[in-house]
Amino acid sequence: MKLNQTIADFLAPNKKEISRILSAIKRYDRIAIFRHEKPDFDALGSQMGLATWIKDNFPNKEVRVLGDNHVVFTPRLYPEMDRLNESWFQEPFMAIIVDCANTSRVADPRFKKAKFKIKIDHHPEVEKFGKISLVRTDACAAAEIITDVLLSFKGNYVLSKEAAAYLYSGIAGDSGRFQYSSTSEATFVTASYLVSTGINLSDIYGRMYQKKIDDLKVTAYILNHFSVSEHGVAYYVLDDAIQKELNITTERGKENVNLFSNIEGINAWCSISEDSKDHCWRVSIRSKGTPINEIAAKWEGGGHAQASGAKIKNLDLLPEFIEDLDKLFR
C-alpha cells in the first residue's frame, strides 16, 4: 500500500528514528511493550496494536505486553496483560514504551531492566528517555504515530485486522471520535488505512462505549450533583462512599466527564474522584478550546491542551483548583 503524501510529510523529519525502530525490532528476539499506568484507549490500543503487528510479522519473536489491566476495557476490548516473574527480565530484551511522557508514569518499572529502550509518544515531552525517541505532538494519539510508522516500513509486512482494530480504538479514543482539536487531515488519512483492512467499526465502537443499566445510575447522580463556576467550569465530585454506593472504581469516575462537552456556557469540565489507595483526588479536565494543560501541570498532572489529568491532595484544595481554571475564562 502506497503511503499517502500527507502522512509521508509528517514522517519526513523522523525518517532516521523510524529506520532505527525497524532495525531494533529485527535485532531483538525478546520484546516487551509498556505504557502508562491507569491506561486509556490510546495506551492499550497502541500497546496491543504494536504487539500484534510484531507477532504477525515476526512470529518467532517473544513479545510481551505489561502493565495494569483496565477495570472495564479488559477483557471486553483488550486481552489481559502478561504476568511475568523476575527471571524473564534477567535475559536481554528490548522495551518499547508507548503513550507515556515520563518514566515515573510507566505502569511496570521493570522496563528499566531493558538492554535497549524505544519511546513513542504524542504528549509534550516531559522527560527524554530511550535510545530511540519518536515524539510527535502534532499527532492526536500514539496509535496514530505507530500506525504511520508501521505503514512506512519498507518490506512485505502485513497489517492484520486484529492489529488495525486495536490501533483504530486508540485513535478514536484519544481524538474523541475525531472531534477534538488535535484531529488533523493526517488523522483521517491514517484512520482510513486502518478501515481499509476490513475492521468492523460497529463492533469496535460497541465494545468501546458499551454501557450497562447500572451505568445510568452513575449518570443520573452526576446530573443531579454537578456544579458550575462563575465563568463556566463544570465539575462533579465522587468521594469514596459515593463510588461504593454506585459500584464504580476511581478509574471509572471520569467516564462521564464529557457529559458537559457541548453545553452552552460551559468552557471546561472536570471529574474529581477520590482515590483512597493513594490518598488523593484524581482529576480529569477537558476544554472546548482554551489550553488547560498548564493548570494540570501546576496540580501534579499534565497532558494535552484540551485534555489533561491532575491530582488534588485533599478536597479542601478544590476551591483553589476550580479558581485556577475559572481565571482562564475571565
Protein backbone atom coordinates (compact mmCIF):
# COMPACT_ATOMS: atom_id res chain seq x y z
CA MET A 1 0.00 0.00 0.00
CA LYS A 2 1.50 3.32 -1.07
CA LEU A 3 1.90 5.79 1.75
CA ASN A 4 -0.28 8.90 1.38
CA GLN A 5 1.73 12.09 0.84
CA THR A 6 0.15 13.76 3.88
CA ILE A 7 1.46 11.02 6.18
CA ALA A 8 4.80 10.93 4.37
CA ASP A 9 5.24 14.66 5.00
CA PHE A 10 4.52 14.23 8.71
CA LEU A 11 7.00 11.36 8.96
CA ALA A 12 9.77 13.02 6.94
CA PRO A 13 11.57 14.64 9.92
CA ASN A 14 11.63 11.27 11.69
CA LYS A 15 12.99 9.01 8.92
CA LYS A 16 16.15 8.21 10.87
CA GLU A 17 14.26 7.20 14.02
CA ILE A 18 11.76 5.11 12.03
CA SER A 19 14.55 3.20 10.28
CA ARG A 20 16.24 2.55 13.63
CA ILE A 21 12.95 1.31 15.15
CA LEU A 22 12.57 -1.36 12.46
CA SER A 23 16.23 -2.37 12.82
CA ALA A 24 15.81 -2.73 16.58
CA ILE A 25 12.67 -4.85 16.20
CA LYS A 26 14.55 -7.14 13.83
CA ARG A 27 17.55 -7.31 16.16
CA TYR A 28 15.84 -8.30 19.42
CA ASP A 29 14.10 -11.66 19.84
CA ARG A 30 12.55 -10.72 23.18
CA ILE A 31 10.44 -7.55 23.18
CA ALA A 32 8.28 -6.10 25.98
CA ILE A 33 5.84 -3.27 25.31
CA PHE A 34 4.97 -0.87 28.11
CA ARG A 35 2.69 2.19 28.51
CA HIS A 36 1.40 4.49 31.22
CA GLU A 37 -0.43 3.41 34.37
CA LYS A 38 -4.24 3.63 34.58
CA PRO A 39 -4.48 3.07 30.81
CA ASP A 40 -6.95 4.61 28.39
CA PHE A 41 -7.93 3.60 24.85
CA ASP A 42 -4.77 5.02 23.30
CA ALA A 43 -2.38 3.42 25.78
CA LEU A 44 -3.92 -0.02 25.37
CA GLY A 45 -4.71 0.32 21.66
CA SER A 46 -1.14 1.41 20.89
CA GLN A 47 0.36 -1.30 23.05
CA MET A 48 -1.77 -4.15 21.71
CA GLY A 49 -1.72 -2.92 18.12
CA LEU A 50 2.08 -2.77 18.03
CA ALA A 51 2.46 -6.11 19.84
CA THR A 52 0.06 -7.80 17.40
CA TRP A 53 1.86 -6.33 14.38
CA ILE A 54 5.22 -7.64 15.60
CA LYS A 55 3.77 -11.09 16.31
CA ASP A 56 2.11 -11.19 12.87
CA ASN A 57 5.28 -10.25 11.01
CA PHE A 58 7.93 -11.86 13.24
CA PRO A 59 6.23 -15.00 14.60
CA ASN A 60 9.45 -16.39 16.10
CA LYS A 61 9.92 -13.42 18.42
CA GLU A 62 8.68 -13.43 22.01
CA VAL A 63 6.51 -10.34 22.51
CA ARG A 64 5.06 -9.39 25.91
CA VAL A 65 2.64 -6.65 26.98
CA LEU A 66 2.97 -5.34 30.52
CA GLY A 67 1.08 -3.10 32.92
CA ASP A 68 -2.17 -2.94 34.83
CA ASN A 69 -5.40 -4.26 33.34
CA HIS A 70 -8.24 -1.82 32.78
CA VAL A 71 -11.27 -2.19 35.02
CA VAL A 72 -13.69 -2.11 32.05
CA PHE A 73 -11.84 -2.48 28.74
CA THR A 74 -10.10 -5.67 29.90
CA PRO A 75 -11.14 -8.20 28.65
CA ARG A 76 -14.05 -6.60 26.77
CA LEU A 77 -11.83 -4.85 24.25
CA TYR A 78 -8.22 -5.76 25.05
CA PRO A 79 -6.72 -9.04 26.34
CA GLU A 80 -5.24 -9.27 29.81
CA MET A 81 -1.67 -8.18 30.34
CA ASP A 82 1.13 -10.71 30.63
CA ARG A 83 2.24 -11.69 34.12
CA LEU A 84 5.97 -12.37 34.19
CA ASN A 85 8.21 -13.46 37.04
CA GLU A 86 11.53 -11.75 37.64
CA SER A 87 13.54 -14.41 35.84
CA TRP A 88 12.13 -13.26 32.47
CA PHE A 89 13.90 -9.92 32.87
CA GLN A 90 17.33 -11.45 33.54
CA GLU A 91 17.94 -12.15 29.86
CA PRO A 92 18.44 -9.34 27.29
CA PHE A 93 15.24 -7.77 25.97
CA MET A 94 14.07 -4.58 24.28
CA ALA A 95 11.43 -2.31 25.81
CA ILE A 96 9.12 -0.15 23.71
CA ILE A 97 7.29 2.44 25.80
CA VAL A 98 4.22 3.96 24.14
CA ASP A 99 1.95 6.88 25.04
CA CYS A 100 3.97 7.94 28.09
CA ALA A 101 5.87 11.21 28.52
CA ASN A 102 7.86 10.38 31.66
CA THR A 103 9.33 7.27 33.25
CA SER A 104 7.55 7.73 36.57
CA ARG A 105 4.22 7.00 34.86
CA VAL A 106 5.26 3.77 33.14
CA ALA A 107 2.95 1.10 34.52
CA ASP A 108 5.64 -1.52 35.17
CA PRO A 109 9.05 -0.26 36.41
CA ARG A 110 10.82 -3.33 35.05
CA PHE A 111 11.17 -1.55 31.71
CA LYS A 112 14.32 -0.08 33.28
CA LYS A 113 15.99 -3.50 33.01
CA ALA A 114 15.80 -3.48 29.20
CA LYS A 115 19.04 -3.50 27.26
CA PHE A 116 17.52 -1.18 24.65
CA LYS A 117 14.58 1.23 25.00
CA ILE A 118 12.36 2.98 22.46
CA LYS A 119 9.91 5.77 23.30
CA ILE A 120 6.93 6.52 21.01
CA ASP A 121 4.65 9.29 22.24
CA HIS A 122 2.46 12.25 21.31
CA HIS A 123 2.46 14.19 24.59
CA PRO A 124 4.57 17.31 25.13
CA GLU A 125 7.98 15.95 26.08
CA VAL A 126 8.39 15.96 29.86
CA GLU A 127 11.40 13.66 30.04
CA LYS A 128 13.80 12.39 27.40
CA PHE A 129 14.47 8.66 27.62
CA GLY A 130 15.24 5.75 25.36
CA LYS A 131 17.99 5.11 22.81
CA ILE A 132 15.34 5.97 20.21
CA SER A 133 12.73 8.65 20.95
CA LEU A 134 9.94 9.36 18.48
CA VAL A 135 7.74 12.15 19.83
CA ARG A 136 5.18 13.86 17.60
CA THR A 137 2.96 16.32 19.43
CA ASP A 138 1.07 17.07 16.21
CA ALA A 139 -0.48 13.59 16.32
CA CYS A 140 -3.79 13.10 18.11
CA ALA A 141 -2.74 9.73 19.54
CA ALA A 142 0.25 7.48 19.99
CA ALA A 143 -1.72 4.96 17.94
CA GLU A 144 -1.70 7.42 15.03
CA ILE A 145 2.10 7.65 15.14
CA ILE A 146 2.52 3.88 15.44
CA THR A 147 0.17 3.23 12.51
CA ASP A 148 2.06 5.72 10.33
CA VAL A 149 5.39 4.17 11.31
CA LEU A 150 4.21 0.63 10.55
CA LEU A 151 2.81 1.70 7.19
CA SER A 152 6.10 3.39 6.29
CA PHE A 153 8.26 0.30 6.85
CA LYS A 154 9.76 -0.93 3.58
CA GLY A 155 9.09 -4.63 3.04
CA ASN A 156 6.33 -7.19 2.69
CA TYR A 157 4.74 -6.54 6.08
CA VAL A 158 1.10 -7.22 6.87
CA LEU A 159 -1.30 -5.12 8.91
CA SER A 160 -3.89 -7.58 10.15
CA LYS A 161 -7.47 -6.68 11.04
CA GLU A 162 -6.73 -7.50 14.67
CA ALA A 163 -3.79 -5.08 14.85
CA ALA A 164 -5.74 -2.46 12.90
CA ALA A 165 -8.74 -2.71 15.24
CA TYR A 166 -6.55 -2.10 18.30
CA LEU A 167 -4.85 0.89 16.67
CA TYR A 168 -8.15 2.33 15.48
CA SER A 169 -9.56 2.18 19.01
CA GLY A 170 -6.57 4.18 20.22
CA ILE A 171 -7.04 6.89 17.60
CA ALA A 172 -10.82 7.07 18.04
CA GLY A 173 -10.49 7.18 21.82
CA ASP A 174 -7.86 9.91 22.06
CA SER A 175 -9.46 12.06 19.36
CA GLY A 176 -12.89 11.89 21.00
CA ARG A 177 -14.14 10.04 17.93
CA PHE A 178 -12.44 12.63 15.70
CA GLN A 179 -14.00 15.64 17.47
CA TYR A 180 -11.04 17.08 19.43
CA SER A 181 -8.90 19.89 18.03
CA SER A 182 -5.92 17.50 17.88
CA THR A 183 -7.63 15.73 14.96
CA SER A 184 -5.95 16.63 11.66
CA GLU A 185 -6.13 15.71 8.00
CA ALA A 186 -3.39 13.18 8.68
CA THR A 187 -5.51 11.60 11.43
CA PHE A 188 -8.31 10.87 8.97
CA VAL A 189 -5.89 9.55 6.35
CA THR A 190 -4.27 7.24 8.91
CA ALA A 191 -7.68 6.02 10.11
CA SER A 192 -8.71 5.33 6.52
CA TYR A 193 -5.81 2.90 6.12
CA LEU A 194 -6.97 1.03 9.20
CA VAL A 195 -10.57 0.93 7.96
CA SER A 196 -9.36 -0.40 4.60
CA THR A 197 -8.19 -3.61 6.33
CA GLY A 198 -11.85 -4.54 6.80
CA ILE A 199 -12.22 -3.84 10.52
CA ASN A 200 -15.77 -3.76 11.87
CA LEU A 201 -16.35 -0.21 13.14
CA SER A 202 -19.72 -1.02 14.72
CA ASP A 203 -18.15 -3.83 16.73
CA ILE A 204 -15.21 -1.66 17.83
CA TYR A 205 -17.39 1.24 18.93
CA GLY A 206 -19.85 -1.11 20.57
CA ARG A 207 -17.13 -2.61 22.77
CA MET A 208 -15.53 0.77 23.44
CA TYR A 209 -18.66 2.53 24.64
CA GLN A 210 -20.97 -0.25 25.81
CA LYS A 211 -22.94 0.69 28.93
CA LYS A 212 -24.92 -1.28 31.49
CA ILE A 213 -28.22 -0.28 33.07
CA ASP A 214 -26.40 0.41 36.35
CA ASP A 215 -24.26 2.96 34.50
CA LEU A 216 -27.38 5.09 34.09
CA LYS A 217 -27.48 5.47 37.87
CA VAL A 218 -23.99 6.99 37.77
CA THR A 219 -25.02 9.40 35.03
CA ALA A 220 -28.17 10.32 36.96
CA TYR A 221 -26.14 11.01 40.11
CA ILE A 222 -23.73 13.28 38.22
CA LEU A 223 -26.52 15.21 36.52
CA ASN A 224 -28.05 15.85 39.92
CA HIS A 225 -24.82 16.78 41.72
CA PHE A 226 -22.64 18.83 39.37
CA SER A 227 -21.56 22.43 39.89
CA VAL A 228 -20.63 25.26 37.51
CA SER A 229 -18.27 28.09 38.41
CA GLU A 230 -18.88 31.75 37.61
CA HIS A 231 -17.01 31.53 34.32
CA GLY A 232 -18.22 28.17 33.11
CA VAL A 233 -16.12 25.43 34.72
CA ALA A 234 -18.40 22.44 35.31
CA TYR A 235 -17.33 19.71 37.71
CA TYR A 236 -18.59 16.79 39.75
CA VAL A 237 -17.14 15.09 42.80
CA LEU A 238 -17.26 11.37 43.55
CA ASP A 239 -15.96 10.55 47.01
CA ASP A 240 -15.15 7.02 48.14
CA ALA A 241 -18.56 6.47 49.75
CA ILE A 242 -20.42 7.51 46.59
CA GLN A 243 -18.19 5.30 44.43
CA LYS A 244 -19.09 2.32 46.60
CA GLU A 245 -22.78 3.23 46.52
CA LEU A 246 -22.68 3.48 42.72
CA ASN A 247 -20.48 0.36 42.47
CA ILE A 248 -17.72 2.03 40.44
CA THR A 249 -13.97 2.35 40.84
CA THR A 250 -11.87 5.52 40.98
CA GLU A 251 -10.69 4.85 37.42
CA ARG A 252 -14.29 4.83 36.20
CA GLY A 253 -15.08 8.15 37.85
CA LYS A 254 -14.06 10.07 34.74
CA GLU A 255 -16.25 8.11 32.32
CA ASN A 256 -18.98 10.74 32.37
CA VAL A 257 -16.78 13.82 32.15
CA ASN A 258 -17.82 14.57 28.57
CA LEU A 259 -21.48 14.91 29.52
CA PHE A 260 -20.71 18.64 29.59
CA SER A 261 -18.78 18.91 26.33
CA ASN A 262 -21.47 20.52 24.18
CA ILE A 263 -23.31 22.64 26.72
CA GLU A 264 -23.60 26.36 26.01
CA GLY A 265 -21.91 28.43 28.70
CA ILE A 266 -19.59 25.63 29.84
CA ASN A 267 -15.97 26.26 28.85
CA ALA A 268 -14.18 23.49 30.74
CA TRP A 269 -15.34 20.44 32.65
CA CYS A 270 -13.81 18.10 35.22
CA SER A 271 -14.37 14.87 37.07
CA ILE A 272 -12.95 14.69 40.59
CA SER A 273 -12.76 11.18 42.07
CA GLU A 274 -11.36 10.18 45.43
CA ASP A 275 -8.52 7.64 45.30
CA SER A 276 -8.46 6.15 48.79
CA LYS A 277 -5.50 3.90 47.96
CA ASP A 278 -3.22 6.79 47.02
CA HIS A 279 -4.85 9.25 49.43
CA CYS A 280 -5.63 11.86 46.79
CA TRP A 281 -8.34 13.01 44.36
CA ARG A 282 -7.92 12.15 40.66
CA VAL A 283 -8.97 14.88 38.26
CA SER A 284 -9.75 14.68 34.54
CA ILE A 285 -10.01 18.04 32.78
CA ARG A 286 -11.42 18.87 29.34
CA SER A 287 -11.79 22.16 27.50
CA LYS A 288 -13.58 23.43 24.41
CA GLY A 289 -10.56 25.31 23.14
CA THR A 290 -8.59 27.10 25.83
CA PRO A 291 -5.43 25.19 26.86
CA ILE A 292 -5.71 23.73 30.35
CA ASN A 293 -2.53 21.62 30.47
CA GLU A 294 -0.52 24.29 32.33
CA ILE A 295 -3.11 24.27 35.12
CA ALA A 296 -2.90 20.48 35.15
CA ALA A 297 0.89 20.66 35.43
CA LYS A 298 0.57 23.01 38.41
CA TRP A 299 -1.62 20.37 40.10
CA GLU A 300 0.76 17.40 39.71
CA GLY A 301 -0.50 16.41 36.30
CA GLY A 302 -0.29 17.24 32.63
CA GLY A 303 -1.42 16.13 29.21
CA HIS A 304 -2.80 17.82 26.14
CA ALA A 305 -4.04 21.36 25.60
CA GLN A 306 -7.72 20.38 25.80
CA ALA A 307 -7.49 17.08 27.69
CA SER A 308 -5.37 16.66 30.80
CA GLY A 309 -5.21 14.98 34.18
CA ALA A 310 -4.30 16.34 37.59
CA LYS A 311 -4.24 15.47 41.27
CA ILE A 312 -5.61 17.18 44.37
CA LYS A 313 -4.17 16.09 47.71
CA ASN A 314 -7.32 16.86 49.66
CA LEU A 315 -10.76 18.26 48.96
CA ASP A 316 -10.04 21.45 50.89
CA LEU A 317 -7.96 22.47 47.88
CA LEU A 318 -10.84 22.05 45.41
CA PRO A 319 -11.98 25.72 45.52
CA GLU A 320 -8.42 26.84 44.72
CA PHE A 321 -8.18 24.36 41.84
CA ILE A 322 -11.51 25.46 40.34
CA GLU A 323 -10.48 29.11 40.77
CA ASP A 324 -7.31 28.44 38.76
CA LEU A 325 -9.39 27.06 35.91
CA ASP A 326 -12.02 29.78 36.25
CA LYS A 327 -9.37 32.50 35.75
CA LEU A 328 -8.73 31.15 32.24
CA PHE A 329 -12.18 32.28 31.12
CA ARG A 330 -12.45 35.74 32.68
